[in-house]
Amino acid sequence: MRKIWTVAWLHLKEHFKSPGALVLMFILPGLFSWIFGGIAVESEQNKPIVDVVMNEEGLGAEMFNLLKKNEHYQWNKVTLKQAKENVEKQDTVAAIVFPADLQGRITNKQPLFDVILRSRTEDYLALAPHLQGTANIISRSYQTVEELDSNAVSDVLEAVVMSKGVKVEKQTIQKEDNNLVEVDLMFVGFAIMFMMFGISGAASTILDERIGGTWSRLMITPAKKFQIGLGYLLAYFLMGWIQFAVLMAAMNIMFDSKWGNLTYMIPFASLVILCVVGFGLMIAGIVKTKQQAGAIGAVLVVSTCMLGGVYWSIELVPEFMQKISLAVPQSWAMSGFKEIISGSLHTSTLIKDTLALLGFTAGFFLIAIRGITYE
């Protein structure tokens, strides 16, 4: 075991002497995470603004409170003139104007809200279903109680506003807030991508060492071939864990990120790192020069990360792309990390992700063993 540790330590020490390796392993992933993480956190804090033009008389207050039940937007009461100016300047998603004759609108089956809009942005497209749903609630409430008591409409709407909706006694699908989970998964995605770049680059140094005679000198040492191989494997594995741990700790300090139950996180992350090591060794085994390794590795890393949901959530792509993503290990890694970080911890999903990663890891190492020689 001492010989294995000696080989691993020498390789680690040599690798970390390179400024380029330090930049690729720590500075770039930290910088990307800080920039994009800051943007994501900022977007969570600054809610899109929606202006509301209303009369305080009648049902205006109840209608405004119904709209405010959607907490993803900031709802501001403004005058009609100010609303038009804000929309023109694009300071607001849209302006919602309450009608003066609500009963007439309902009777004639006309839209209950007038919307002042400059363009159909993503924020407005997300807002539109809420506006339609609120209008339906108001219309049905009015039609239901108007014949009995006109004053009862206000009471019904007030009761709807005060309703807490469905009370979830035990949430087992996802414990953490979905938006926070997506931000944390973005950090993990950057860690995986740069880990693949870093370890692939480190593994490709095997080619230079073989040409430069380093391996030949290792062969005449008391260490056996399998001990040398395990030493290299241990070195790359430790590189991956050092990079992953440093980045996760930094994101926790900067953004208070949560990584779920460490009892699950540490073994699963170790498997992902081992899979990445296998990927790097596979690249080193199928190419002839370090330059080829860099070029092919870059293409494979970027393309598989795109397919595997590292840059964006896999649920956002078409269904056929989701099926194709099953052919790359990143999709299984991101799925498992999502289960752990969100706190869902569905056993069947974690087992499936783990088995898939084990299969990819075994395949990578098999190709690497066949491709890398000691001569």
Protein backbone atom coordinates (compact mmCIF):
# COMPACT_ATOMS: atom_id res chain seq x y z
CA MET A 1 0.00 0.00 0.00
CA ARG A 2 2.91 2.33 0.75
CA LYS A 3 4.18 1.99 -2.82
CA ILE A 4 0.74 2.88 -4.17
CA TRP A 5 0.59 5.99 -1.96
CA THR A 6 4.12 6.96 -3.03
CA VAL A 7 3.22 6.83 -6.73
CA ALA A 8 -0.01 8.75 -6.07
CA TRP A 9 1.74 11.42 -3.98
CA LEU A 10 4.47 11.98 -6.55
CA HIS A 11 1.89 12.35 -9.31
CA LEU A 12 -0.29 14.70 -7.25
CA LYS A 13 2.69 16.84 -6.30
CA GLU A 14 3.82 17.09 -9.92
CA HIS A 15 0.31 17.95 -11.12
CA PHE A 16 -0.29 20.74 -8.65
CA LYS A 17 2.99 22.41 -9.59
CA SER A 18 1.38 23.47 -12.85
CA PRO A 19 -0.34 26.90 -12.70
CA GLY A 20 -2.56 25.85 -15.60
CA ALA A 21 -3.85 22.88 -13.63
CA LEU A 22 -4.70 25.09 -10.67
CA VAL A 23 -6.56 27.52 -12.91
CA LEU A 24 -8.54 24.73 -14.57
CA MET A 25 -9.33 22.90 -11.34
CA PHE A 26 -10.15 25.77 -8.99
CA ILE A 27 -10.12 29.28 -10.44
CA LEU A 28 -12.27 28.74 -13.56
CA PRO A 29 -15.00 26.62 -11.93
CA GLY A 30 -15.08 28.97 -8.95
CA LEU A 31 -15.30 32.00 -11.23
CA PHE A 32 -18.06 30.50 -13.39
CA SER A 33 -20.04 29.44 -10.33
CA TRP A 34 -19.64 32.86 -8.72
CA ILE A 35 -20.79 34.70 -11.85
CA PHE A 36 -23.71 32.50 -12.83
CA GLY A 37 -24.59 31.66 -9.24
CA GLY A 38 -24.74 35.36 -8.43
CA ILE A 39 -27.02 35.93 -11.41
CA ALA A 40 -29.29 33.08 -10.35
CA VAL A 41 -29.48 34.19 -6.72
CA GLU A 42 -30.06 37.80 -7.78
CA SER A 43 -32.92 36.74 -10.03
CA GLU A 44 -34.48 34.92 -7.10
CA GLN A 45 -34.34 38.04 -4.94
CA ASN A 46 -35.52 40.59 -7.54
CA LYS A 47 -39.03 39.60 -8.51
CA PRO A 48 -40.58 40.79 -11.79
CA ILE A 49 -42.86 43.80 -11.25
CA VAL A 50 -46.52 43.87 -12.30
CA ASP A 51 -48.45 47.16 -12.08
CA VAL A 52 -52.12 47.13 -11.13
CA VAL A 53 -54.55 49.96 -11.91
CA MET A 54 -57.58 49.64 -9.63
CA ASN A 55 -60.40 51.35 -7.80
CA GLU A 56 -60.49 50.94 -4.06
CA GLU A 57 -64.26 50.74 -4.22
CA GLY A 58 -66.23 47.57 -4.88
CA LEU A 59 -64.27 44.34 -5.28
CA GLY A 60 -60.96 45.99 -6.20
CA ALA A 61 -59.22 45.15 -2.92
CA GLU A 62 -60.29 41.50 -3.00
CA MET A 63 -59.26 41.15 -6.65
CA PHE A 64 -55.86 42.69 -5.91
CA ASN A 65 -55.34 40.29 -2.99
CA LEU A 66 -56.19 37.36 -5.25
CA LEU A 67 -53.50 38.43 -7.71
CA LYS A 68 -50.99 38.81 -4.88
CA LYS A 69 -51.35 35.13 -4.01
CA ASN A 70 -48.81 34.55 -6.76
CA GLU A 71 -45.67 35.45 -4.80
CA HIS A 72 -43.31 35.12 -7.77
CA TYR A 73 -44.16 38.70 -8.79
CA GLN A 74 -44.07 42.07 -7.09
CA TRP A 75 -47.51 43.70 -7.37
CA ASN A 76 -47.64 47.52 -7.31
CA LYS A 77 -50.70 49.77 -7.25
CA VAL A 78 -50.24 52.65 -9.70
CA THR A 79 -52.24 55.13 -11.71
CA LEU A 80 -53.16 54.46 -15.32
CA LYS A 81 -50.71 57.11 -16.53
CA GLN A 82 -47.84 55.71 -14.48
CA ALA A 83 -48.69 52.17 -15.63
CA LYS A 84 -48.42 53.17 -19.30
CA GLU A 85 -45.09 54.91 -18.68
CA ASN A 86 -43.68 51.89 -16.83
CA VAL A 87 -44.73 49.53 -19.60
CA GLU A 88 -43.23 51.81 -22.23
CA LYS A 89 -39.93 51.91 -20.33
CA GLN A 90 -40.12 48.14 -19.79
CA ASP A 91 -39.83 48.66 -16.04
CA THR A 92 -42.73 46.28 -15.51
CA VAL A 93 -43.83 42.97 -16.99
CA ALA A 94 -47.34 44.28 -17.70
CA ALA A 95 -50.03 46.55 -16.29
CA ILE A 96 -53.34 45.01 -15.21
CA VAL A 97 -56.34 47.37 -15.32
CA PHE A 98 -59.44 46.48 -13.32
CA PRO A 99 -62.71 47.31 -15.12
CA ALA A 100 -65.09 49.95 -13.83
CA ASP A 101 -68.11 47.81 -14.76
CA LEU A 102 -67.24 44.36 -13.43
CA GLN A 103 -70.83 43.08 -13.55
CA GLY A 104 -71.20 44.10 -17.19
CA ARG A 105 -67.99 42.32 -18.12
CA ILE A 106 -69.18 39.12 -16.44
CA THR A 107 -72.67 39.31 -17.94
CA ASN A 108 -71.35 39.87 -21.44
CA LYS A 109 -68.63 37.25 -20.97
CA GLN A 110 -65.89 39.74 -21.71
CA PRO A 111 -62.32 39.63 -20.34
CA LEU A 112 -62.29 40.85 -16.74
CA PHE A 113 -58.82 42.43 -16.95
CA ASP A 114 -57.39 44.87 -19.47
CA VAL A 115 -53.70 44.18 -19.96
CA ILE A 116 -51.26 46.88 -21.08
CA LEU A 117 -48.32 45.10 -22.65
CA ARG A 118 -45.34 46.06 -24.76
CA SER A 119 -44.10 42.57 -25.65
CA ARG A 120 -44.89 39.00 -24.70
CA THR A 121 -41.85 38.25 -22.57
CA GLU A 122 -41.19 34.98 -20.74
CA ASP A 123 -42.29 36.62 -17.51
CA TYR A 124 -45.63 37.58 -19.05
CA LEU A 125 -46.18 34.13 -20.54
CA ALA A 126 -45.69 32.71 -17.04
CA LEU A 127 -48.03 35.36 -15.60
CA ALA A 128 -50.88 34.86 -18.12
CA PRO A 129 -52.22 31.56 -16.66
CA HIS A 130 -52.43 33.17 -13.21
CA LEU A 131 -54.41 36.10 -14.61
CA GLN A 132 -56.78 33.74 -16.41
CA GLY A 133 -57.22 31.59 -13.31
CA THR A 134 -57.92 34.62 -11.12
CA ALA A 135 -60.47 35.93 -13.63
CA ASN A 136 -62.22 32.54 -13.63
CA ILE A 137 -62.42 32.52 -9.83
CA ILE A 138 -63.91 36.01 -9.76
CA SER A 139 -66.40 35.24 -12.53
CA ARG A 140 -67.61 31.97 -11.02
CA SER A 141 -67.84 33.44 -7.53
CA TYR A 142 -69.89 36.34 -8.86
CA GLN A 143 -72.23 34.13 -10.86
CA THR A 144 -72.71 31.75 -7.93
CA VAL A 145 -73.74 34.23 -5.24
CA GLU A 146 -74.96 37.31 -7.15
CA GLU A 147 -78.58 36.09 -7.29
CA LEU A 148 -78.62 35.38 -3.57
CA ASP A 149 -76.84 38.42 -2.16
CA SER A 150 -74.73 40.94 -4.06
CA ASN A 151 -72.69 41.67 -0.94
CA ALA A 152 -71.77 38.01 -0.61
CA VAL A 153 -69.37 38.22 -3.59
CA SER A 154 -66.87 40.19 -1.53
CA ASP A 155 -67.11 37.65 1.31
CA VAL A 156 -66.52 34.72 -1.05
CA LEU A 157 -63.45 36.33 -2.63
CA GLU A 158 -62.08 37.23 0.77
CA ALA A 159 -62.50 33.60 1.85
CA VAL A 160 -60.61 32.47 -1.27
CA VAL A 161 -57.78 34.88 -0.48
CA MET A 162 -57.52 33.61 3.09
CA SER A 163 -57.50 29.98 1.95
CA LYS A 164 -54.14 28.27 2.34
CA GLY A 165 -54.88 25.84 -0.46
CA VAL A 166 -53.69 22.27 0.02
CA LYS A 167 -51.87 21.62 3.25
CA VAL A 168 -49.05 19.10 2.78
CA GLU A 169 -48.45 17.23 6.01
CA LYS A 170 -45.45 15.29 4.71
CA GLN A 171 -43.73 16.37 1.53
CA THR A 172 -41.89 13.41 0.06
CA ILE A 173 -41.47 14.46 -3.56
CA GLN A 174 -39.01 17.28 -2.95
CA LYS A 175 -38.18 18.82 0.41
CA GLU A 176 -36.11 21.79 -0.68
CA ASP A 177 -37.37 24.74 -2.70
CA ASN A 178 -37.15 23.85 -6.40
CA ASN A 179 -35.44 27.12 -7.40
CA LEU A 180 -32.74 26.70 -4.77
CA VAL A 181 -32.18 23.10 -5.84
CA GLU A 182 -31.71 24.19 -9.46
CA VAL A 183 -29.11 26.77 -8.40
CA ASP A 184 -27.21 24.19 -6.34
CA LEU A 185 -27.38 21.71 -9.23
CA MET A 186 -25.84 24.36 -11.46
CA PHE A 187 -22.84 24.49 -9.11
CA VAL A 188 -22.57 20.70 -9.21
CA GLY A 189 -22.78 20.79 -13.01
CA PHE A 190 -19.86 23.21 -13.25
CA ALA A 191 -17.90 21.01 -10.85
CA ILE A 192 -18.50 17.93 -13.01
CA MET A 193 -17.60 19.70 -16.24
CA PHE A 194 -14.33 21.19 -15.01
CA MET A 195 -13.49 17.97 -13.19
CA MET A 196 -13.78 16.15 -16.52
CA PHE A 197 -11.52 18.72 -18.17
CA GLY A 198 -8.99 18.63 -15.33
CA ILE A 199 -8.78 14.88 -14.87
CA SER A 200 -8.78 14.24 -18.63
CA GLY A 201 -5.85 16.63 -18.95
CA ALA A 202 -4.04 15.02 -16.04
CA ALA A 203 -4.61 11.51 -17.39
CA SER A 204 -3.28 12.52 -20.80
CA THR A 205 0.11 13.22 -19.21
CA ILE A 206 0.50 9.43 -19.23
CA LEU A 207 1.22 9.76 -22.93
CA ASP A 208 4.06 12.23 -22.32
CA GLU A 209 5.43 10.13 -19.48
CA ARG A 210 5.46 7.05 -21.67
CA ILE A 211 7.29 8.90 -24.47
CA GLY A 212 9.65 10.68 -22.06
CA GLY A 213 10.72 7.46 -20.37
CA THR A 214 9.09 8.03 -16.97
CA TRP A 215 7.17 4.80 -17.22
CA SER A 216 10.26 2.87 -18.21
CA ARG A 217 12.01 4.08 -15.08
CA LEU A 218 8.98 3.15 -12.98
CA MET A 219 9.11 -0.37 -14.35
CA ILE A 220 12.55 -0.95 -12.83
CA THR A 221 11.45 0.16 -9.35
CA PRO A 222 10.33 -2.38 -6.73
CA ALA A 223 6.72 -1.36 -7.41
CA LYS A 224 4.70 -3.81 -9.49
CA LYS A 225 2.62 -2.84 -12.50
CA PHE A 226 -0.72 -3.08 -10.70
CA GLN A 227 0.67 -0.96 -7.85
CA ILE A 228 1.78 1.72 -10.29
CA GLY A 229 -1.62 1.61 -11.97
CA LEU A 230 -3.45 1.89 -8.65
CA GLY A 231 -1.15 4.76 -7.67
CA TYR A 232 -2.13 6.72 -10.75
CA LEU A 233 -5.79 5.85 -10.24
CA LEU A 234 -5.63 7.01 -6.61
CA ALA A 235 -3.93 10.25 -7.65
CA TYR A 236 -6.65 11.11 -10.16
CA PHE A 237 -9.38 10.15 -7.71
CA LEU A 238 -7.90 12.42 -5.03
CA MET A 239 -7.57 15.23 -7.60
CA GLY A 240 -11.26 14.92 -8.32
CA TRP A 241 -12.26 14.91 -4.67
CA ILE A 242 -10.02 17.88 -3.82
CA GLN A 243 -11.53 19.89 -6.67
CA PHE A 244 -15.10 18.87 -5.84
CA ALA A 245 -14.74 19.49 -2.10
CA VAL A 246 -13.08 22.90 -2.53
CA LEU A 247 -15.74 24.09 -4.97
CA MET A 248 -18.63 22.82 -2.83
CA ALA A 249 -17.16 24.47 0.27
CA ALA A 250 -16.68 27.75 -1.61
CA MET A 251 -20.26 27.75 -2.88
CA ASN A 252 -21.54 27.02 0.61
CA ILE A 253 -19.64 30.03 1.95
CA MET A 254 -20.63 32.41 -0.89
CA PHE A 255 -24.24 31.34 -1.50
CA ASP A 256 -25.13 29.20 1.53
CA SER A 257 -25.70 26.24 -0.78
CA LYS A 258 -27.00 22.98 0.68
CA TRP A 259 -25.74 19.57 -0.41
CA GLY A 260 -28.25 17.28 1.25
CA ASN A 261 -27.52 14.26 3.40
CA LEU A 262 -23.74 13.68 3.38
CA THR A 263 -24.32 9.98 4.05
CA TYR A 264 -25.65 9.80 0.49
CA MET A 265 -23.68 12.66 -1.03
CA ILE A 266 -20.16 11.41 -0.25
CA PRO A 267 -20.53 7.86 -1.67
CA PHE A 268 -22.44 9.07 -4.73
CA ALA A 269 -19.95 11.87 -5.41
CA SER A 270 -17.12 9.33 -5.06
CA LEU A 271 -18.77 7.15 -7.70
CA VAL A 272 -19.18 10.13 -10.03
CA ILE A 273 -15.51 11.08 -9.55
CA LEU A 274 -14.45 7.49 -10.22
CA CYS A 275 -16.52 7.55 -13.41
CA VAL A 276 -14.81 10.80 -14.45
CA VAL A 277 -11.41 9.22 -13.77
CA GLY A 278 -12.39 6.30 -15.99
CA PHE A 279 -13.44 8.74 -18.69
CA GLY A 280 -10.08 10.52 -18.53
CA LEU A 281 -8.12 7.27 -18.68
CA MET A 282 -10.27 6.11 -21.60
CA ILE A 283 -9.33 9.25 -23.54
CA ALA A 284 -5.66 8.61 -22.76
CA GLY A 285 -6.05 5.05 -23.99
CA ILE A 286 -7.63 5.79 -27.37
CA VAL A 287 -5.32 8.59 -28.56
CA LYS A 288 -1.64 8.70 -29.47
CA THR A 289 -0.60 12.20 -28.35
CA LYS A 290 -1.48 14.67 -25.62
CA GLN A 291 -2.67 17.16 -28.24
CA GLN A 292 -5.14 14.60 -29.58
CA ALA A 293 -6.31 13.92 -26.05
CA GLY A 294 -6.97 17.62 -25.46
CA ALA A 295 -8.92 18.07 -28.69
CA ILE A 296 -11.01 14.90 -28.47
CA GLY A 297 -11.54 15.31 -24.73
CA ALA A 298 -12.83 18.86 -25.14
CA VAL A 299 -15.33 17.81 -27.81
CA LEU A 300 -16.56 14.84 -25.80
CA VAL A 301 -16.80 16.77 -22.52
CA VAL A 302 -18.74 19.71 -23.95
CA SER A 303 -21.11 17.62 -26.08
CA THR A 304 -21.92 15.07 -23.38
CA CYS A 305 -22.37 17.80 -20.76
CA MET A 306 -24.86 19.51 -23.07
CA LEU A 307 -26.75 16.25 -23.55
CA GLY A 308 -26.54 15.30 -19.89
CA GLY A 309 -28.23 18.37 -18.40
CA VAL A 310 -25.11 19.99 -16.94
CA TYR A 311 -25.76 23.40 -18.54
CA TRP A 312 -29.55 23.36 -18.22
CA SER A 313 -32.25 21.16 -16.73
CA ILE A 314 -32.87 18.05 -18.82
CA GLU A 315 -36.64 18.58 -18.40
CA LEU A 316 -36.41 21.67 -20.64
CA VAL A 317 -35.36 19.76 -23.77
CA PRO A 318 -37.67 17.74 -26.07
CA GLU A 319 -38.55 14.19 -25.11
CA PHE A 320 -36.38 12.57 -27.78
CA MET A 321 -33.37 14.53 -26.42
CA GLN A 322 -34.16 13.28 -22.93
CA LYS A 323 -33.97 9.72 -24.24
CA ILE A 324 -30.65 10.40 -25.97
CA SER A 325 -29.29 11.86 -22.72
CA LEU A 326 -29.52 8.41 -21.11
CA ALA A 327 -26.50 7.44 -23.22
CA VAL A 328 -24.16 9.79 -21.31
CA PRO A 329 -23.11 9.47 -17.64
CA GLN A 330 -23.70 13.13 -16.79
CA SER A 331 -27.49 12.72 -16.98
CA TRP A 332 -27.42 9.91 -14.40
CA ALA A 333 -25.03 11.88 -12.20
CA MET A 334 -27.23 14.99 -12.26
CA SER A 335 -30.32 12.89 -11.56
CA GLY A 336 -28.70 11.34 -8.48
CA PHE A 337 -27.38 14.68 -7.22
CA LYS A 338 -30.86 16.18 -7.64
CA GLU A 339 -32.37 13.43 -5.48
CA ILE A 340 -29.77 14.01 -2.76
CA ILE A 341 -29.70 17.82 -2.80
CA SER A 342 -33.52 18.14 -2.89
CA GLY A 343 -33.87 15.66 -0.03
CA SER A 344 -36.20 13.41 -2.01
CA LEU A 345 -33.91 10.37 -1.72
CA HIS A 346 -36.12 8.03 -3.73
CA THR A 347 -34.44 4.66 -3.32
CA SER A 348 -35.42 3.31 -6.75
CA THR A 349 -34.11 6.41 -8.54
CA LEU A 350 -30.82 6.44 -6.63
CA ILE A 351 -30.28 2.73 -7.26
CA LYS A 352 -30.96 3.19 -10.97
CA ASP A 353 -28.57 6.15 -11.17
CA THR A 354 -25.89 4.27 -9.23
CA LEU A 355 -26.12 1.16 -11.40
CA ALA A 356 -25.95 3.24 -14.57
CA LEU A 357 -22.83 5.07 -13.35
CA LEU A 358 -21.24 1.77 -12.34
CA GLY A 359 -21.86 0.49 -15.85
CA PHE A 360 -20.31 3.57 -17.46
CA THR A 361 -17.34 3.40 -15.08
CA ALA A 362 -16.70 -0.26 -15.85
CA GLY A 363 -16.92 0.42 -19.57
CA PHE A 364 -14.51 3.36 -19.39
CA PHE A 365 -11.93 1.40 -17.40
CA LEU A 366 -12.20 -1.58 -19.72
CA ILE A 367 -11.44 0.61 -22.75
CA ALA A 368 -8.62 2.34 -20.83
CA ILE A 369 -6.97 -0.97 -19.81
CA ARG A 370 -7.07 -2.19 -23.38
CA GLY A 371 -5.64 1.06 -24.72
CA ILE A 372 -2.95 2.00 -22.21
CA THR A 373 0.21 -0.06 -22.27
CA TYR A 374 3.23 -0.02 -19.96
CA GLU A 375 5.81 -0.14 -22.70
